[in-house]
């Protein structure tokens, strides 16, 4: 079931996304698959979520909002002011409505790949981290983040949160509260180990 659906989604993504975005999505799907194997989760679920995580990224804002209205999650007050965050909600809606994906973990992974969530499932953590460390990423610290992801998924979530928050602060950009909540939650888990 997954292989057939993934094959169709790959073709659809390639036809509807820029080549650069396609390469990123492919990298996230492959990285998510490898991380799922490493952590004993379904590689097919992880790969499918990876293929769909940015499927709405290049849509016009009006189309993203249409998909969000059809979906099961809503933009919060802060997200409404940050259009760069809309694609995760729109992507989950596309996965559900267009691709008939009913698996809540896959939908959560798509929806949470930008900000995370304090209670996100291990599958969502994998796509959250996979989006950050896929092979096409080039930034200071990515090699370290990749090494950590192979050893400790919780720590990898924290590294993504920390580096994203640091980047946003350095650019004088808004930081959504859910990213901070994700940081706080996973820091608590780390300290409980």
C-alpha atoms as a PDB file:
ATOM      1  CA  UNK A   1       0.000   0.000   0.000  1.00  0.00           C
ATOM      2  CA  UNK A   2       2.651   2.534   1.049  1.00  0.00           C
ATOM      3  CA  UNK A   3       4.996   1.901  -1.912  1.00  0.00           C
ATOM      4  CA  UNK A   4       2.257   2.446  -4.494  1.00  0.00           C
ATOM      5  CA  UNK A   5       1.031   5.609  -2.757  1.00  0.00           C
ATOM      6  CA  UNK A   6       4.586   6.935  -2.349  1.00  0.00           C
ATOM      7  CA  UNK A   7       5.272   6.366  -6.073  1.00  0.00           C
ATOM      8  CA  UNK A   8       2.183   8.366  -7.048  1.00  0.00           C
ATOM      9  CA  UNK A   9       2.982  11.137  -4.554  1.00  0.00           C
ATOM     10  CA  UNK A  10       6.558  11.431  -5.870  1.00  0.00           C
ATOM     11  CA  UNK A  11       5.246  11.995  -9.396  1.00  0.00           C
ATOM     12  CA  UNK A  12       2.689  14.533  -8.172  1.00  0.00           C
ATOM     13  CA  UNK A  13       5.305  16.390  -6.094  1.00  0.00           C
ATOM     14  CA  UNK A  14       7.731  16.497  -9.022  1.00  0.00           C
ATOM     15  CA  UNK A  15       5.035  17.973 -11.279  1.00  0.00           C
ATOM     16  CA  UNK A  16       3.877  20.597  -8.761  1.00  0.00           C
ATOM     17  CA  UNK A  17       7.006  21.741  -6.919  1.00  0.00           C
ATOM     18  CA  UNK A  18      10.182  23.513  -8.055  1.00  0.00           C
ATOM     19  CA  UNK A  19      13.242  21.291  -8.658  1.00  0.00           C
ATOM     20  CA  UNK A  20      15.016  22.792  -5.626  1.00  0.00           C
ATOM     21  CA  UNK A  21      12.044  22.078  -3.325  1.00  0.00           C
ATOM     22  CA  UNK A  22      11.725  18.589  -4.814  1.00  0.00           C
ATOM     23  CA  UNK A  23      15.335  17.802  -3.888  1.00  0.00           C
ATOM     24  CA  UNK A  24      14.725  19.040  -0.343  1.00  0.00           C
ATOM     25  CA  UNK A  25      11.560  16.948  -0.018  1.00  0.00           C
ATOM     26  CA  UNK A  26      13.355  13.885  -1.386  1.00  0.00           C
ATOM     27  CA  UNK A  27      16.151  14.428   1.129  1.00  0.00           C
ATOM     28  CA  UNK A  28      13.684  14.693   4.002  1.00  0.00           C
ATOM     29  CA  UNK A  29      11.863  11.529   2.886  1.00  0.00           C
ATOM     30  CA  UNK A  30      15.131   9.573   2.691  1.00  0.00           C
ATOM     31  CA  UNK A  31      16.445  10.945   5.983  1.00  0.00           C
ATOM     32  CA  UNK A  32      13.150  10.270   7.738  1.00  0.00           C
ATOM     33  CA  UNK A  33      13.162   6.705   6.444  1.00  0.00           C
ATOM     34  CA  UNK A  34      16.702   6.118   7.765  1.00  0.00           C
ATOM     35  CA  UNK A  35      15.876   7.652  11.149  1.00  0.00           C
ATOM     36  CA  UNK A  36      12.747   5.513  11.428  1.00  0.00           C
ATOM     37  CA  UNK A  37      14.808   2.378  10.847  1.00  0.00           C
ATOM     38  CA  UNK A  38      17.353   3.574  13.416  1.00  0.00           C
ATOM     39  CA  UNK A  39      14.652   4.142  16.057  1.00  0.00           C
ATOM     40  CA  UNK A  40      12.501   1.099  15.316  1.00  0.00           C
ATOM     41  CA  UNK A  41       9.568   2.906  13.696  1.00  0.00           C
ATOM     42  CA  UNK A  42       7.825   2.325  10.385  1.00  0.00           C
ATOM     43  CA  UNK A  43      10.155   3.473   7.603  1.00  0.00           C
ATOM     44  CA  UNK A  44       7.198   3.617   5.191  1.00  0.00           C
ATOM     45  CA  UNK A  45       5.196   5.942   7.445  1.00  0.00           C
ATOM     46  CA  UNK A  46       8.242   8.169   7.912  1.00  0.00           C
ATOM     47  CA  UNK A  47       9.024   8.272   4.198  1.00  0.00           C
ATOM     48  CA  UNK A  48       5.411   9.056   3.293  1.00  0.00           C
ATOM     49  CA  UNK A  49       5.279  11.907   5.824  1.00  0.00           C
ATOM     50  CA  UNK A  50       8.613  13.163   4.490  1.00  0.00           C
ATOM     51  CA  UNK A  51       7.323  13.237   0.916  1.00  0.00           C
ATOM     52  CA  UNK A  52       4.273  15.255   1.955  1.00  0.00           C
ATOM     53  CA  UNK A  53       5.755  17.558   4.606  1.00  0.00           C
ATOM     54  CA  UNK A  54       6.365  20.484   2.211  1.00  0.00           C
ATOM     55  CA  UNK A  55       3.794  19.634  -0.471  1.00  0.00           C
ATOM     56  CA  UNK A  56       1.979  22.950   0.125  1.00  0.00           C
ATOM     57  CA  UNK A  57       5.085  25.113   0.603  1.00  0.00           C
ATOM     58  CA  UNK A  58       4.952  26.782  -2.816  1.00  0.00           C
ATOM     59  CA  UNK A  59       1.203  27.254  -3.031  1.00  0.00           C
ATOM     60  CA  UNK A  60      -0.210  30.781  -3.109  1.00  0.00           C
ATOM     61  CA  UNK A  61      -1.379  31.972   0.324  1.00  0.00           C
ATOM     62  CA  UNK A  62      -5.019  31.945  -0.769  1.00  0.00           C
ATOM     63  CA  UNK A  63      -4.789  28.292  -1.827  1.00  0.00           C
ATOM     64  CA  UNK A  64      -3.039  27.351   1.417  1.00  0.00           C
ATOM     65  CA  UNK A  65      -5.863  29.002   3.347  1.00  0.00           C
ATOM     66  CA  UNK A  66      -8.445  27.074   1.309  1.00  0.00           C
ATOM     67  CA  UNK A  67      -6.750  23.782   2.207  1.00  0.00           C
ATOM     68  CA  UNK A  68      -6.491  24.823   5.857  1.00  0.00           C
ATOM     69  CA  UNK A  69     -10.243  25.583   5.945  1.00  0.00           C
ATOM     70  CA  UNK A  70     -10.911  22.040   4.663  1.00  0.00           C
ATOM     71  CA  UNK A  71      -8.546  20.543   7.221  1.00  0.00           C
ATOM     72  CA  UNK A  72      -8.825  19.420  10.800  1.00  0.00           C
ATOM     73  CA  UNK A  73      -6.385  21.895  12.366  1.00  0.00           C
ATOM     74  CA  UNK A  74      -6.636  25.649  12.578  1.00  0.00           C
ATOM     75  CA  UNK A  75      -4.080  28.409  12.544  1.00  0.00           C
ATOM     76  CA  UNK A  76      -3.630  29.945  15.959  1.00  0.00           C
ATOM     77  CA  UNK A  77      -3.454  33.724  16.399  1.00  0.00           C
ATOM     78  CA  UNK A  78       0.332  33.866  16.040  1.00  0.00           C
ATOM     79  CA  UNK A  79       0.383  31.543  12.992  1.00  0.00           C
ATOM     80  CA  UNK A  80      -2.125  33.754  11.193  1.00  0.00           C
ATOM     81  CA  UNK A  81       0.519  36.500  11.296  1.00  0.00           C
ATOM     82  CA  UNK A  82       3.349  34.244  10.003  1.00  0.00           C
ATOM     83  CA  UNK A  83       2.422  32.871   6.545  1.00  0.00           C
ATOM     84  CA  UNK A  84       5.655  30.838   6.407  1.00  0.00           C
ATOM     85  CA  UNK A  85       4.016  28.495   8.935  1.00  0.00           C
ATOM     86  CA  UNK A  86       0.806  27.864   6.984  1.00  0.00           C
ATOM     87  CA  UNK A  87       2.151  25.156   4.683  1.00  0.00           C
ATOM     88  CA  UNK A  88       2.342  22.535   7.432  1.00  0.00           C
ATOM     89  CA  UNK A  89      -1.405  22.773   8.127  1.00  0.00           C
ATOM     90  CA  UNK A  90      -2.238  22.955   4.416  1.00  0.00           C
ATOM     91  CA  UNK A  91       0.022  19.966   3.726  1.00  0.00           C
ATOM     92  CA  UNK A  92      -1.733  17.830   6.337  1.00  0.00           C
ATOM     93  CA  UNK A  93      -5.069  18.769   4.767  1.00  0.00           C
ATOM     94  CA  UNK A  94      -3.799  17.824   1.285  1.00  0.00           C
ATOM     95  CA  UNK A  95      -2.541  14.492   2.652  1.00  0.00           C
ATOM     96  CA  UNK A  96      -5.937  13.783   4.195  1.00  0.00           C
ATOM     97  CA  UNK A  97      -8.279  15.052   1.476  1.00  0.00           C
ATOM     98  CA  UNK A  98      -6.333  14.537  -1.746  1.00  0.00           C
ATOM     99  CA  UNK A  99      -4.282  11.454  -0.828  1.00  0.00           C
ATOM    100  CA  UNK A 100      -6.801   9.854   1.585  1.00  0.00           C
ATOM    101  CA  UNK A 101      -4.191   9.415   4.310  1.00  0.00           C
ATOM    102  CA  UNK A 102      -6.042   8.718   7.542  1.00  0.00           C
ATOM    103  CA  UNK A 103      -3.051   7.725   9.694  1.00  0.00           C
ATOM    104  CA  UNK A 104      -3.037  10.291  12.510  1.00  0.00           C
ATOM    105  CA  UNK A 105       0.691   9.911  13.133  1.00  0.00           C
ATOM    106  CA  UNK A 106       1.547  10.717   9.522  1.00  0.00           C
ATOM    107  CA  UNK A 107      -0.788  13.714   9.538  1.00  0.00           C
ATOM    108  CA  UNK A 108       0.701  14.906  12.839  1.00  0.00           C
ATOM    109  CA  UNK A 109       4.230  14.557  11.443  1.00  0.00           C
ATOM    110  CA  UNK A 110       3.333  16.743   8.452  1.00  0.00           C
ATOM    111  CA  UNK A 111       1.568  19.325  10.628  1.00  0.00           C
ATOM    112  CA  UNK A 112       4.349  19.494  13.257  1.00  0.00           C
ATOM    113  CA  UNK A 113       7.434  19.565  11.056  1.00  0.00           C
ATOM    114  CA  UNK A 114       8.017  23.326  11.419  1.00  0.00           C
ATOM    115  CA  UNK A 115       7.345  24.148  15.079  1.00  0.00           C
ATOM    116  CA  UNK A 116       7.224  20.710  16.626  1.00  0.00           C
ATOM    117  CA  UNK A 117       4.830  20.081  19.479  1.00  0.00           C
ATOM    118  CA  UNK A 118       5.427  19.447  23.176  1.00  0.00           C
ATOM    119  CA  UNK A 119       3.668  16.077  22.847  1.00  0.00           C
ATOM    120  CA  UNK A 120       4.638  15.024  19.328  1.00  0.00           C
ATOM    121  CA  UNK A 121       4.943  11.341  18.595  1.00  0.00           C
ATOM    122  CA  UNK A 122       8.275   9.698  17.762  1.00  0.00           C
ATOM    123  CA  UNK A 123       7.255   9.672  14.076  1.00  0.00           C
ATOM    124  CA  UNK A 124       6.622  13.433  14.177  1.00  0.00           C
ATOM    125  CA  UNK A 125       9.988  13.902  15.914  1.00  0.00           C
ATOM    126  CA  UNK A 126      11.687  12.010  13.089  1.00  0.00           C
ATOM    127  CA  UNK A 127      10.192  14.226  10.359  1.00  0.00           C
ATOM    128  CA  UNK A 128      10.842  17.357  12.480  1.00  0.00           C
ATOM    129  CA  UNK A 129      14.520  16.383  12.717  1.00  0.00           C
ATOM    130  CA  UNK A 130      14.714  14.961   9.178  1.00  0.00           C
ATOM    131  CA  UNK A 131      13.601  18.317   7.785  1.00  0.00           C
ATOM    132  CA  UNK A 132      16.506  19.937   9.618  1.00  0.00           C
ATOM    133  CA  UNK A 133      19.337  17.541   8.764  1.00  0.00           C
ATOM    134  CA  UNK A 134      18.540  16.257   5.259  1.00  0.00           C
ATOM    135  CA  UNK A 135      21.622  16.006   2.997  1.00  0.00           C
ATOM    136  CA  UNK A 136      20.933  19.270   1.142  1.00  0.00           C
ATOM    137  CA  UNK A 137      21.120  21.386   4.299  1.00  0.00           C
ATOM    138  CA  UNK A 138      24.255  23.493   4.570  1.00  0.00           C
ATOM    139  CA  UNK A 139      24.637  25.562   7.743  1.00  0.00           C
ATOM    140  CA  UNK A 140      27.042  25.767  10.659  1.00  0.00           C
ATOM    141  CA  UNK A 141      26.285  22.928  13.023  1.00  0.00           C
ATOM    142  CA  UNK A 142      24.447  20.619  10.614  1.00  0.00           C
ATOM    143  CA  UNK A 143      27.170  17.950  10.790  1.00  0.00           C
ATOM    144  CA  UNK A 144      26.904  17.939  14.585  1.00  0.00           C
ATOM    145  CA  UNK A 145      23.090  17.826  14.372  1.00  0.00           C
ATOM    146  CA  UNK A 146      23.286  14.821  12.020  1.00  0.00           C
ATOM    147  CA  UNK A 147      25.617  12.980  14.391  1.00  0.00           C
ATOM    148  CA  UNK A 148      23.318  13.654  17.360  1.00  0.00           C
ATOM    149  CA  UNK A 149      20.270  12.476  15.384  1.00  0.00           C
ATOM    150  CA  UNK A 150      21.901   9.073  14.947  1.00  0.00           C
ATOM    151  CA  UNK A 151      22.368   8.693  18.713  1.00  0.00           C
ATOM    152  CA  UNK A 152      19.532  10.451  20.556  1.00  0.00           C
ATOM    153  CA  UNK A 153      16.257  11.560  18.968  1.00  0.00           C
ATOM    154  CA  UNK A 154      15.220  13.690  21.963  1.00  0.00           C
ATOM    155  CA  UNK A 155      18.548  15.531  21.855  1.00  0.00           C
ATOM    156  CA  UNK A 156      18.165  16.003  18.088  1.00  0.00           C
ATOM    157  CA  UNK A 157      14.774  17.675  18.635  1.00  0.00           C
ATOM    158  CA  UNK A 158      16.418  19.982  21.180  1.00  0.00           C
ATOM    159  CA  UNK A 159      19.255  20.834  18.781  1.00  0.00           C
ATOM    160  CA  UNK A 160      16.772  21.783  16.047  1.00  0.00           C
ATOM    161  CA  UNK A 161      14.778  23.909  18.503  1.00  0.00           C
ATOM    162  CA  UNK A 162      17.899  25.596  19.868  1.00  0.00           C
ATOM    163  CA  UNK A 163      19.441  26.339  16.481  1.00  0.00           C
ATOM    164  CA  UNK A 164      16.132  27.543  15.020  1.00  0.00           C
ATOM    165  CA  UNK A 165      15.436  29.821  17.993  1.00  0.00           C
ATOM    166  CA  UNK A 166      19.008  31.161  17.854  1.00  0.00           C
ATOM    167  CA  UNK A 167      18.681  31.868  14.123  1.00  0.00           C
ATOM    168  CA  UNK A 168      15.336  33.635  14.559  1.00  0.00           C
ATOM    169  CA  UNK A 169      16.755  35.759  17.382  1.00  0.00           C
ATOM    170  CA  UNK A 170      19.799  36.687  15.280  1.00  0.00           C
ATOM    171  CA  UNK A 171      17.480  37.787  12.457  1.00  0.00           C
ATOM    172  CA  UNK A 172      15.208  39.739  14.835  1.00  0.00           C
ATOM    173  CA  UNK A 173      12.280  37.547  13.778  1.00  0.00           C
ATOM    174  CA  UNK A 174       9.195  36.398  15.665  1.00  0.00           C
ATOM    175  CA  UNK A 175       9.401  33.106  17.543  1.00  0.00           C
ATOM    176  CA  UNK A 176       6.180  31.145  17.755  1.00  0.00           C
ATOM    177  CA  UNK A 177       5.289  29.997  21.254  1.00  0.00           C
ATOM    178  CA  UNK A 178       4.873  26.370  20.148  1.00  0.00           C
ATOM    179  CA  UNK A 179       8.562  26.171  19.235  1.00  0.00           C
ATOM    180  CA  UNK A 180       9.410  27.370  22.744  1.00  0.00           C
ATOM    181  CA  UNK A 181       6.919  24.898  24.236  1.00  0.00           C
ATOM    182  CA  UNK A 182       8.571  22.116  22.218  1.00  0.00           C
ATOM    183  CA  UNK A 183      11.969  23.187  23.531  1.00  0.00           C
ATOM    184  CA  UNK A 184      10.734  23.260  27.141  1.00  0.00           C
ATOM    185  CA  UNK A 185       9.005  19.891  26.885  1.00  0.00           C
ATOM    186  CA  UNK A 186      11.939  18.057  25.304  1.00  0.00           C
ATOM    187  CA  UNK A 187      14.390  19.734  27.681  1.00  0.00           C
ATOM    188  CA  UNK A 188      12.321  18.352  30.562  1.00  0.00           C
ATOM    189  CA  UNK A 189      12.476  14.868  28.971  1.00  0.00           C
ATOM    190  CA  UNK A 190      16.241  15.207  28.580  1.00  0.00           C
ATOM    191  CA  UNK A 191      16.670  16.242  32.212  1.00  0.00           C
ATOM    192  CA  UNK A 192      14.553  13.290  33.369  1.00  0.00           C
ATOM    193  CA  UNK A 193      16.899  10.767  31.719  1.00  0.00           C
END
